[in-house]
Amino acid sequence: MSVLEKFGVEIFTQHNIFERIAVDKPFRPETPAFIFIKTGTIKLKQHFRDLELSTNMFMVTDPQTVYEMISVSDDFQSRMVSYKREFISALSLKFNRLITYRYFRQQMNIGVPFEPDEMEVVWKSVNFLKYILDSQTEMTYKKEIVEHLFSVFCYQMAGIISNEDNNSMNQMSRQEEIVFIFMNDLATNHNTERTVEFYAERQFITTRHLSSVIKTITGMSASQMIALVVMNEAKVLLNSSSKPVSEVSEILGFSDQYSFSHFFKKHLKVSPSQYRNQFES
């Protein structure tokens, strides 16, 4: 049984973080995670943008998003706190999880800067939690200790975020809210719904208004974002499983393999089989 399965949380360093972050192909994290960068730089590509995380920054990754690592510097020093969502939900935390989660969703895939002293405090907290998780010494209440230390970590993060930018945590412009809802709807429904009309109707707005807002905020059209999410899903399924192309097309909601192959080749200029062959040894 892995540490994550046993305790609900697992911590990776720069030495083993790439056990969870694929270095040569698109990937989707199995669980949500906080990634902290103490020194150096890592560059990632995700659904809608390229990201660069550098010294004293953190980000929150999400299993609904597909990532691809571009590069990492030689002086890269990091901690990744990976956790099961049901684990954090089960903890009796008193801060407003809904507001904090909403803020994290806004900041998802965006590097958030820390003050050096804030990073130092969180870094020590994470290291102590890792020490307990890694310890081979018999501890009668190890599970309870892990739960309390993870709660401390969550309170630290909630406190730092609320102190740094209280307005960002509680306020969202109408345009940002439209994009936020669209992205959540897209993450849930992209395998079955690929029309802009569907997502506009979900928010009781016109397709023209939705498309205009999406373009203004992201620089991409709504249809481009829909296609990009579907393509990223297809890439992960093709490079991380041995499922036949016909089964992949079915999972992604295409009427048949031909339709899927046509869609894939239109956007990537190679067939699904040709793409998959790149990752076969």
C-alpha atoms as a PDB file:
ATOM      1  CA  MET A   1       0.000   0.000   0.000  1.00  0.00           C
ATOM      2  CA  SER A   2       1.387   3.399  -0.988  1.00  0.00           C
ATOM      3  CA  VAL A   3       1.817   6.285   1.459  1.00  0.00           C
ATOM      4  CA  LEU A   4      -0.978   8.149  -0.337  1.00  0.00           C
ATOM      5  CA  GLU A   5      -3.382   5.237  -0.014  1.00  0.00           C
ATOM      6  CA  LYS A   6      -2.489   4.627   3.631  1.00  0.00           C
ATOM      7  CA  PHE A   7      -2.474   8.205   4.945  1.00  0.00           C
ATOM      8  CA  GLY A   8      -4.296  10.249   2.295  1.00  0.00           C
ATOM      9  CA  VAL A   9      -1.291  12.495   1.621  1.00  0.00           C
ATOM     10  CA  GLU A  10       2.175  12.008   0.124  1.00  0.00           C
ATOM     11  CA  ILE A  11       5.093  14.413  -0.302  1.00  0.00           C
ATOM     12  CA  PHE A  12       7.587  14.420  -3.155  1.00  0.00           C
ATOM     13  CA  THR A  13      10.855  16.358  -3.518  1.00  0.00           C
ATOM     14  CA  GLN A  14      12.853  17.386  -6.575  1.00  0.00           C
ATOM     15  CA  HIS A  15      14.499  13.951  -6.357  1.00  0.00           C
ATOM     16  CA  ASN A  16      11.335  11.939  -6.969  1.00  0.00           C
ATOM     17  CA  ILE A  17       8.717  14.443  -8.134  1.00  0.00           C
ATOM     18  CA  PHE A  18       9.069  13.137 -11.689  1.00  0.00           C
ATOM     19  CA  GLU A  19       7.613   9.846 -10.548  1.00  0.00           C
ATOM     20  CA  ARG A  20       4.338  11.779 -10.647  1.00  0.00           C
ATOM     21  CA  ILE A  21       5.148  14.375 -13.322  1.00  0.00           C
ATOM     22  CA  ALA A  22       5.819  12.798 -16.712  1.00  0.00           C
ATOM     23  CA  VAL A  23       8.809  14.344 -18.464  1.00  0.00           C
ATOM     24  CA  ASP A  24       8.299  13.180 -22.034  1.00  0.00           C
ATOM     25  CA  LYS A  25       4.553  13.233 -22.713  1.00  0.00           C
ATOM     26  CA  PRO A  26       1.287  14.901 -21.674  1.00  0.00           C
ATOM     27  CA  PHE A  27      -0.049  13.650 -18.345  1.00  0.00           C
ATOM     28  CA  ARG A  28      -2.925  14.132 -15.933  1.00  0.00           C
ATOM     29  CA  PRO A  29      -2.204  14.092 -12.166  1.00  0.00           C
ATOM     30  CA  GLU A  30      -3.929  11.266 -10.329  1.00  0.00           C
ATOM     31  CA  THR A  31      -4.700  13.511  -7.342  1.00  0.00           C
ATOM     32  CA  PRO A  32      -4.730  17.262  -6.587  1.00  0.00           C
ATOM     33  CA  ALA A  33      -1.472  18.689  -5.274  1.00  0.00           C
ATOM     34  CA  PHE A  34       0.346  21.796  -4.091  1.00  0.00           C
ATOM     35  CA  ILE A  35       3.715  22.348  -5.794  1.00  0.00           C
ATOM     36  CA  PHE A  36       6.206  24.660  -4.070  1.00  0.00           C
ATOM     37  CA  ILE A  37       9.340  25.994  -5.766  1.00  0.00           C
ATOM     38  CA  LYS A  38      12.053  27.128  -3.355  1.00  0.00           C
ATOM     39  CA  THR A  39      14.765  27.657  -5.959  1.00  0.00           C
ATOM     40  CA  GLY A  40      15.113  27.287  -9.699  1.00  0.00           C
ATOM     41  CA  THR A  41      12.500  27.187 -12.442  1.00  0.00           C
ATOM     42  CA  ILE A  42      10.130  24.689 -13.985  1.00  0.00           C
ATOM     43  CA  LYS A  43       8.166  25.312 -17.165  1.00  0.00           C
ATOM     44  CA  LEU A  44       4.906  23.504 -17.830  1.00  0.00           C
ATOM     45  CA  LYS A  45       2.282  23.552 -20.534  1.00  0.00           C
ATOM     46  CA  GLN A  46      -1.339  23.054 -19.570  1.00  0.00           C
ATOM     47  CA  HIS A  47      -4.684  23.171 -21.350  1.00  0.00           C
ATOM     48  CA  PHE A  48      -4.774  26.889 -22.017  1.00  0.00           C
ATOM     49  CA  ARG A  49      -1.370  28.400 -21.338  1.00  0.00           C
ATOM     50  CA  ASP A  50       2.345  27.923 -20.753  1.00  0.00           C
ATOM     51  CA  LEU A  51       3.432  28.304 -17.135  1.00  0.00           C
ATOM     52  CA  GLU A  52       6.735  29.228 -15.582  1.00  0.00           C
ATOM     53  CA  LEU A  53       7.182  28.665 -11.862  1.00  0.00           C
ATOM     54  CA  SER A  54      10.249  30.114 -10.211  1.00  0.00           C
ATOM     55  CA  THR A  55      11.752  30.805  -6.773  1.00  0.00           C
ATOM     56  CA  ASN A  56       9.239  31.294  -3.933  1.00  0.00           C
ATOM     57  CA  MET A  57       6.172  30.389  -5.971  1.00  0.00           C
ATOM     58  CA  PHE A  58       3.512  27.724  -5.653  1.00  0.00           C
ATOM     59  CA  MET A  59       0.670  26.373  -7.731  1.00  0.00           C
ATOM     60  CA  VAL A  60      -2.246  24.004  -7.280  1.00  0.00           C
ATOM     61  CA  THR A  61      -2.606  21.190  -9.791  1.00  0.00           C
ATOM     62  CA  ASP A  62      -5.883  19.500 -10.595  1.00  0.00           C
ATOM     63  CA  PRO A  63      -6.689  15.995 -11.921  1.00  0.00           C
ATOM     64  CA  GLN A  64      -9.087  17.564 -14.416  1.00  0.00           C
ATOM     65  CA  THR A  65      -6.221  19.315 -16.211  1.00  0.00           C
ATOM     66  CA  VAL A  66      -3.655  17.870 -18.620  1.00  0.00           C
ATOM     67  CA  TYR A  67      -0.055  19.078 -18.261  1.00  0.00           C
ATOM     68  CA  GLU A  68       3.177  18.686 -20.165  1.00  0.00           C
ATOM     69  CA  MET A  69       6.619  19.469 -18.773  1.00  0.00           C
ATOM     70  CA  ILE A  70       8.759  21.679 -20.998  1.00  0.00           C
ATOM     71  CA  SER A  71      11.944  22.182 -18.968  1.00  0.00           C
ATOM     72  CA  VAL A  72      13.434  22.309 -15.464  1.00  0.00           C
ATOM     73  CA  SER A  73      16.534  24.166 -14.270  1.00  0.00           C
ATOM     74  CA  ASP A  74      19.548  22.491 -12.645  1.00  0.00           C
ATOM     75  CA  ASP A  75      18.975  24.337  -9.347  1.00  0.00           C
ATOM     76  CA  PHE A  76      15.323  23.245  -9.135  1.00  0.00           C
ATOM     77  CA  GLN A  77      14.302  22.584  -5.516  1.00  0.00           C
ATOM     78  CA  SER A  78      10.689  21.693  -4.807  1.00  0.00           C
ATOM     79  CA  ARG A  79       8.114  19.988  -2.636  1.00  0.00           C
ATOM     80  CA  MET A  80       4.868  18.533  -3.949  1.00  0.00           C
ATOM     81  CA  VAL A  81       2.088  17.821  -1.444  1.00  0.00           C
ATOM     82  CA  SER A  82      -0.205  15.341  -3.165  1.00  0.00           C
ATOM     83  CA  TYR A  83      -3.442  14.440  -1.390  1.00  0.00           C
ATOM     84  CA  LYS A  84      -6.719  12.638  -1.866  1.00  0.00           C
ATOM     85  CA  ARG A  85      -9.638  15.030  -2.159  1.00  0.00           C
ATOM     86  CA  GLU A  86     -11.754  12.933   0.207  1.00  0.00           C
ATOM     87  CA  PHE A  87      -8.954  13.179   2.793  1.00  0.00           C
ATOM     88  CA  ILE A  88      -9.075  16.972   2.990  1.00  0.00           C
ATOM     89  CA  SER A  89     -12.883  16.899   2.939  1.00  0.00           C
ATOM     90  CA  ALA A  90     -12.936  14.585   5.957  1.00  0.00           C
ATOM     91  CA  LEU A  91     -10.789  16.877   8.121  1.00  0.00           C
ATOM     92  CA  SER A  92     -12.654  19.130  10.543  1.00  0.00           C
ATOM     93  CA  LEU A  93     -11.149  22.386   9.291  1.00  0.00           C
ATOM     94  CA  LYS A  94     -12.810  25.566  10.475  1.00  0.00           C
ATOM     95  CA  PHE A  95     -11.799  27.928   7.663  1.00  0.00           C
ATOM     96  CA  ASN A  96     -14.286  28.444   4.841  1.00  0.00           C
ATOM     97  CA  ARG A  97     -13.266  25.634   2.505  1.00  0.00           C
ATOM     98  CA  LEU A  98     -15.704  26.770  -0.182  1.00  0.00           C
ATOM     99  CA  ILE A  99     -14.195  30.248  -0.461  1.00  0.00           C
ATOM    100  CA  THR A 100     -10.644  28.902  -0.303  1.00  0.00           C
ATOM    101  CA  TYR A 101     -11.384  26.240  -2.893  1.00  0.00           C
ATOM    102  CA  ARG A 102     -12.989  28.842  -5.139  1.00  0.00           C
ATOM    103  CA  TYR A 103      -9.888  30.978  -4.864  1.00  0.00           C
ATOM    104  CA  PHE A 104      -7.641  28.015  -5.618  1.00  0.00           C
ATOM    105  CA  ARG A 105      -9.759  27.214  -8.660  1.00  0.00           C
ATOM    106  CA  GLN A 106      -9.270  30.787  -9.895  1.00  0.00           C
ATOM    107  CA  GLN A 107      -5.542  30.491  -9.347  1.00  0.00           C
ATOM    108  CA  MET A 108      -5.396  26.942 -10.722  1.00  0.00           C
ATOM    109  CA  ASN A 109      -2.410  26.501 -12.987  1.00  0.00           C
ATOM    110  CA  ILE A 110      -1.130  29.979 -12.188  1.00  0.00           C
ATOM    111  CA  GLY A 111       2.053  30.425 -10.185  1.00  0.00           C
ATOM    112  CA  VAL A 112       1.328  32.384  -6.991  1.00  0.00           C
ATOM    113  CA  PRO A 113       4.263  34.233  -5.374  1.00  0.00           C
ATOM    114  CA  PHE A 114       5.171  33.850  -1.702  1.00  0.00           C
ATOM    115  CA  GLU A 115       7.165  36.167   0.493  1.00  0.00           C
ATOM    116  CA  PRO A 116      10.461  34.399   1.343  1.00  0.00           C
ATOM    117  CA  ASP A 117       9.582  34.161   5.049  1.00  0.00           C
ATOM    118  CA  GLU A 118       6.168  32.675   4.201  1.00  0.00           C
ATOM    119  CA  MET A 119       7.776  30.077   1.976  1.00  0.00           C
ATOM    120  CA  GLU A 120      10.247  29.223   4.744  1.00  0.00           C
ATOM    121  CA  VAL A 121       7.461  28.566   7.258  1.00  0.00           C
ATOM    122  CA  VAL A 122       5.450  26.402   4.851  1.00  0.00           C
ATOM    123  CA  TRP A 123       8.620  24.614   3.684  1.00  0.00           C
ATOM    124  CA  LYS A 124       9.478  23.611   7.263  1.00  0.00           C
ATOM    125  CA  SER A 125       5.908  22.495   7.884  1.00  0.00           C
ATOM    126  CA  VAL A 126       5.899  20.327   4.760  1.00  0.00           C
ATOM    127  CA  ASN A 127       9.317  18.870   5.607  1.00  0.00           C
ATOM    128  CA  PHE A 128       8.170  17.888   9.092  1.00  0.00           C
ATOM    129  CA  LEU A 129       5.067  16.225   7.665  1.00  0.00           C
ATOM    130  CA  LYS A 130       7.308  14.371   5.215  1.00  0.00           C
ATOM    131  CA  TYR A 131       9.583  13.304   8.069  1.00  0.00           C
ATOM    132  CA  ILE A 132       6.634  11.748   9.919  1.00  0.00           C
ATOM    133  CA  LEU A 133       5.313  10.061   6.763  1.00  0.00           C
ATOM    134  CA  ASP A 134       8.744   8.608   5.950  1.00  0.00           C
ATOM    135  CA  SER A 135       9.590   7.532   9.493  1.00  0.00           C
ATOM    136  CA  GLN A 136      10.039   3.799  10.009  1.00  0.00           C
ATOM    137  CA  THR A 137       9.664   4.203  13.778  1.00  0.00           C
ATOM    138  CA  GLU A 138       6.537   2.634  15.262  1.00  0.00           C
ATOM    139  CA  MET A 139       4.014   5.372  16.114  1.00  0.00           C
ATOM    140  CA  THR A 140       0.761   4.440  17.807  1.00  0.00           C
ATOM    141  CA  TYR A 141      -1.029   7.558  16.575  1.00  0.00           C
ATOM    142  CA  LYS A 142       0.815   8.117  13.312  1.00  0.00           C
ATOM    143  CA  LYS A 143      -2.366   8.499  11.243  1.00  0.00           C
ATOM    144  CA  GLU A 144      -3.738  11.087  13.692  1.00  0.00           C
ATOM    145  CA  ILE A 145      -0.409  12.956  13.726  1.00  0.00           C
ATOM    146  CA  VAL A 146      -0.438  13.089   9.904  1.00  0.00           C
ATOM    147  CA  GLU A 147      -4.010  14.399   9.907  1.00  0.00           C
ATOM    148  CA  HIS A 148      -3.181  17.165  12.375  1.00  0.00           C
ATOM    149  CA  LEU A 149       0.020  18.181  10.584  1.00  0.00           C
ATOM    150  CA  PHE A 150      -1.809  18.300   7.262  1.00  0.00           C
ATOM    151  CA  SER A 151      -4.509  20.430   8.921  1.00  0.00           C
ATOM    152  CA  VAL A 152      -1.791  22.820  10.136  1.00  0.00           C
ATOM    153  CA  PHE A 153      -0.465  23.013   6.575  1.00  0.00           C
ATOM    154  CA  CYS A 154      -3.963  23.783   5.225  1.00  0.00           C
ATOM    155  CA  TYR A 155      -4.482  26.525   7.810  1.00  0.00           C
ATOM    156  CA  GLN A 156      -1.105  28.029   6.935  1.00  0.00           C
ATOM    157  CA  MET A 157      -2.025  28.131   3.253  1.00  0.00           C
ATOM    158  CA  ALA A 158      -5.487  29.567   3.917  1.00  0.00           C
ATOM    159  CA  GLY A 159      -4.039  32.225   6.218  1.00  0.00           C
ATOM    160  CA  ILE A 160      -1.287  33.287   3.821  1.00  0.00           C
ATOM    161  CA  ILE A 161      -3.688  33.502   0.907  1.00  0.00           C
ATOM    162  CA  SER A 162      -6.319  35.488   2.817  1.00  0.00           C
ATOM    163  CA  ASN A 163      -3.664  37.892   4.130  1.00  0.00           C
ATOM    164  CA  GLU A 164      -2.055  38.357   0.711  1.00  0.00           C
ATOM    165  CA  ASP A 165      -5.128  39.078  -1.331  1.00  0.00           C
ATOM    166  CA  ASN A 166      -8.442  39.093   0.477  1.00  0.00           C
ATOM    167  CA  ASN A 167     -10.195  40.824  -2.407  1.00  0.00           C
ATOM    168  CA  SER A 168      -9.133  38.165  -4.919  1.00  0.00           C
ATOM    169  CA  MET A 169     -10.433  35.437  -2.645  1.00  0.00           C
ATOM    170  CA  ASN A 170     -13.871  36.972  -2.234  1.00  0.00           C
ATOM    171  CA  GLN A 171     -14.470  38.818  -5.480  1.00  0.00           C
ATOM    172  CA  MET A 172     -14.619  37.770  -9.089  1.00  0.00           C
ATOM    173  CA  SER A 173     -15.598  39.950 -12.031  1.00  0.00           C
ATOM    174  CA  ARG A 174     -18.626  38.863 -14.033  1.00  0.00           C
ATOM    175  CA  GLN A 175     -16.408  38.006 -16.997  1.00  0.00           C
ATOM    176  CA  GLU A 176     -14.077  35.932 -14.794  1.00  0.00           C
ATOM    177  CA  GLU A 177     -17.090  34.157 -13.336  1.00  0.00           C
ATOM    178  CA  ILE A 178     -18.346  33.262 -16.821  1.00  0.00           C
ATOM    179  CA  VAL A 179     -14.947  31.811 -17.748  1.00  0.00           C
ATOM    180  CA  PHE A 180     -14.689  30.025 -14.396  1.00  0.00           C
ATOM    181  CA  ILE A 181     -18.081  28.337 -14.856  1.00  0.00           C
ATOM    182  CA  PHE A 182     -17.331  27.530 -18.507  1.00  0.00           C
ATOM    183  CA  MET A 183     -14.039  25.823 -17.597  1.00  0.00           C
ATOM    184  CA  ASN A 184     -15.696  23.778 -14.857  1.00  0.00           C
ATOM    185  CA  ASP A 185     -18.553  22.792 -17.164  1.00  0.00           C
ATOM    186  CA  LEU A 186     -16.056  21.925 -19.894  1.00  0.00           C
ATOM    187  CA  ALA A 187     -14.004  19.727 -17.560  1.00  0.00           C
ATOM    188  CA  THR A 188     -17.146  17.787 -16.664  1.00  0.00           C
ATOM    189  CA  ASN A 189     -18.932  17.577 -20.015  1.00  0.00           C
ATOM    190  CA  HIS A 190     -16.328  17.650 -22.817  1.00  0.00           C
ATOM    191  CA  ASN A 191     -16.702  13.944 -23.586  1.00  0.00           C
ATOM    192  CA  THR A 192     -20.355  14.369 -24.447  1.00  0.00           C
ATOM    193  CA  GLU A 193     -20.901  18.056 -25.243  1.00  0.00           C
ATOM    194  CA  ARG A 194     -18.730  19.973 -27.709  1.00  0.00           C
ATOM    195  CA  THR A 195     -20.958  22.802 -28.904  1.00  0.00           C
ATOM    196  CA  VAL A 196     -20.592  26.381 -27.707  1.00  0.00           C
ATOM    197  CA  GLU A 197     -24.401  26.494 -27.546  1.00  0.00           C
ATOM    198  CA  PHE A 198     -24.490  23.879 -24.776  1.00  0.00           C
ATOM    199  CA  TYR A 199     -22.097  25.834 -22.544  1.00  0.00           C
ATOM    200  CA  ALA A 200     -23.836  29.158 -23.220  1.00  0.00           C
ATOM    201  CA  GLU A 201     -27.215  27.683 -22.300  1.00  0.00           C
ATOM    202  CA  ARG A 202     -25.744  26.398 -19.042  1.00  0.00           C
ATOM    203  CA  GLN A 203     -25.195  30.031 -18.038  1.00  0.00           C
ATOM    204  CA  PHE A 204     -28.337  31.448 -19.691  1.00  0.00           C
ATOM    205  CA  ILE A 205     -26.297  33.683 -21.986  1.00  0.00           C
ATOM    206  CA  THR A 206     -25.941  33.872 -25.761  1.00  0.00           C
ATOM    207  CA  THR A 207     -23.231  32.007 -27.634  1.00  0.00           C
ATOM    208  CA  ARG A 208     -21.997  35.352 -28.946  1.00  0.00           C
ATOM    209  CA  HIS A 209     -21.586  36.752 -25.429  1.00  0.00           C
ATOM    210  CA  LEU A 210     -19.885  33.588 -24.138  1.00  0.00           C
ATOM    211  CA  SER A 211     -17.491  33.511 -27.092  1.00  0.00           C
ATOM    212  CA  SER A 212     -16.671  37.196 -26.693  1.00  0.00           C
ATOM    213  CA  VAL A 213     -15.920  36.867 -22.961  1.00  0.00           C
ATOM    214  CA  ILE A 214     -13.828  33.711 -23.436  1.00  0.00           C
ATOM    215  CA  LYS A 215     -11.805  35.419 -26.174  1.00  0.00           C
ATOM    216  CA  THR A 216     -11.276  38.547 -24.055  1.00  0.00           C
ATOM    217  CA  ILE A 217     -10.100  36.670 -20.956  1.00  0.00           C
ATOM    218  CA  THR A 218      -8.135  33.796 -22.507  1.00  0.00           C
ATOM    219  CA  GLY A 219      -7.211  34.945 -26.004  1.00  0.00           C
ATOM    220  CA  MET A 220      -8.801  31.786 -27.390  1.00  0.00           C
ATOM    221  CA  SER A 221     -12.267  31.170 -28.761  1.00  0.00           C
ATOM    222  CA  ALA A 222     -14.680  28.902 -26.908  1.00  0.00           C
ATOM    223  CA  SER A 223     -14.572  26.344 -29.717  1.00  0.00           C
ATOM    224  CA  GLN A 224     -10.750  26.357 -29.643  1.00  0.00           C
ATOM    225  CA  MET A 225     -10.780  25.702 -25.907  1.00  0.00           C
ATOM    226  CA  ILE A 226     -13.259  22.846 -26.314  1.00  0.00           C
ATOM    227  CA  ALA A 227     -11.137  21.248 -29.042  1.00  0.00           C
ATOM    228  CA  LEU A 228      -7.949  21.698 -27.009  1.00  0.00           C
ATOM    229  CA  VAL A 229      -9.396  19.962 -23.955  1.00  0.00           C
ATOM    230  CA  VAL A 230     -10.634  17.043 -26.063  1.00  0.00           C
ATOM    231  CA  MET A 231      -7.268  16.761 -27.813  1.00  0.00           C
ATOM    232  CA  ASN A 232      -5.389  16.730 -24.514  1.00  0.00           C
ATOM    233  CA  GLU A 233      -7.695  14.013 -23.208  1.00  0.00           C
ATOM    234  CA  ALA A 234      -7.054  12.012 -26.372  1.00  0.00           C
ATOM    235  CA  LYS A 235      -3.281  12.398 -26.033  1.00  0.00           C
ATOM    236  CA  VAL A 236      -3.274  11.160 -22.438  1.00  0.00           C
ATOM    237  CA  LEU A 237      -5.447   8.150 -23.299  1.00  0.00           C
ATOM    238  CA  LEU A 238      -3.232   7.272 -26.265  1.00  0.00           C
ATOM    239  CA  ASN A 239       0.116   7.635 -24.520  1.00  0.00           C
ATOM    240  CA  SER A 240      -0.773   6.168 -21.131  1.00  0.00           C
ATOM    241  CA  SER A 241      -2.838   3.139 -22.061  1.00  0.00           C
ATOM    242  CA  SER A 242      -2.967   0.303 -24.564  1.00  0.00           C
ATOM    243  CA  LYS A 243      -6.640   0.807 -25.308  1.00  0.00           C
ATOM    244  CA  PRO A 244      -7.466   0.392 -29.018  1.00  0.00           C
ATOM    245  CA  VAL A 245      -8.076   3.631 -30.917  1.00  0.00           C
ATOM    246  CA  SER A 246     -11.686   2.542 -31.362  1.00  0.00           C
ATOM    247  CA  GLU A 247     -12.119   2.352 -27.568  1.00  0.00           C
ATOM    248  CA  VAL A 248     -10.442   5.737 -27.078  1.00  0.00           C
ATOM    249  CA  SER A 249     -12.818   7.275 -29.601  1.00  0.00           C
ATOM    250  CA  GLU A 250     -15.765   5.741 -27.733  1.00  0.00           C
ATOM    251  CA  ILE A 251     -14.538   7.044 -24.360  1.00  0.00           C
ATOM    252  CA  LEU A 252     -14.257  10.526 -25.853  1.00  0.00           C
ATOM    253  CA  GLY A 253     -17.800  10.372 -27.164  1.00  0.00           C
ATOM    254  CA  PHE A 254     -17.128  10.232 -30.907  1.00  0.00           C
ATOM    255  CA  SER A 255     -19.666   8.449 -33.081  1.00  0.00           C
ATOM    256  CA  ASP A 256     -16.998   6.186 -34.574  1.00  0.00           C
ATOM    257  CA  GLN A 257     -13.248   5.741 -34.953  1.00  0.00           C
ATOM    258  CA  TYR A 258     -13.198   7.540 -38.299  1.00  0.00           C
ATOM    259  CA  SER A 259     -14.715  10.711 -36.793  1.00  0.00           C
ATOM    260  CA  PHE A 260     -12.186  10.654 -33.965  1.00  0.00           C
ATOM    261  CA  SER A 261      -9.233  10.061 -36.301  1.00  0.00           C
ATOM    262  CA  HIS A 262     -10.396  12.888 -38.569  1.00  0.00           C
ATOM    263  CA  PHE A 263     -10.728  15.259 -35.585  1.00  0.00           C
ATOM    264  CA  PHE A 264      -7.330  14.234 -34.186  1.00  0.00           C
ATOM    265  CA  LYS A 265      -5.489  14.601 -37.490  1.00  0.00           C
ATOM    266  CA  LYS A 266      -7.138  17.954 -38.166  1.00  0.00           C
ATOM    267  CA  HIS A 267      -5.703  19.384 -34.948  1.00  0.00           C
ATOM    268  CA  LEU A 268      -2.365  17.563 -34.653  1.00  0.00           C
ATOM    269  CA  LYS A 269      -1.547  16.745 -38.308  1.00  0.00           C
ATOM    270  CA  VAL A 270      -0.882  13.082 -37.448  1.00  0.00           C
ATOM    271  CA  SER A 271      -3.224  10.138 -36.904  1.00  0.00           C
ATOM    272  CA  PRO A 272      -3.914   8.717 -33.408  1.00  0.00           C
ATOM    273  CA  SER A 273      -1.833   5.632 -34.250  1.00  0.00           C
ATOM    274  CA  GLN A 274       1.095   7.740 -35.481  1.00  0.00           C
ATOM    275  CA  TYR A 275       0.937   9.820 -32.304  1.00  0.00           C
ATOM    276  CA  ARG A 276       0.878   6.703 -30.102  1.00  0.00           C
ATOM    277  CA  ASN A 277       3.880   5.226 -31.919  1.00  0.00           C
ATOM    278  CA  GLN A 278       6.051   8.086 -30.635  1.00  0.00           C
ATOM    279  CA  PHE A 279       5.805   6.641 -27.106  1.00  0.00           C
ATOM    280  CA  GLU A 280       6.331   2.996 -27.916  1.00  0.00           C
ATOM    281  CA  SER A 281       9.824   1.681 -27.235  1.00  0.00           C
END
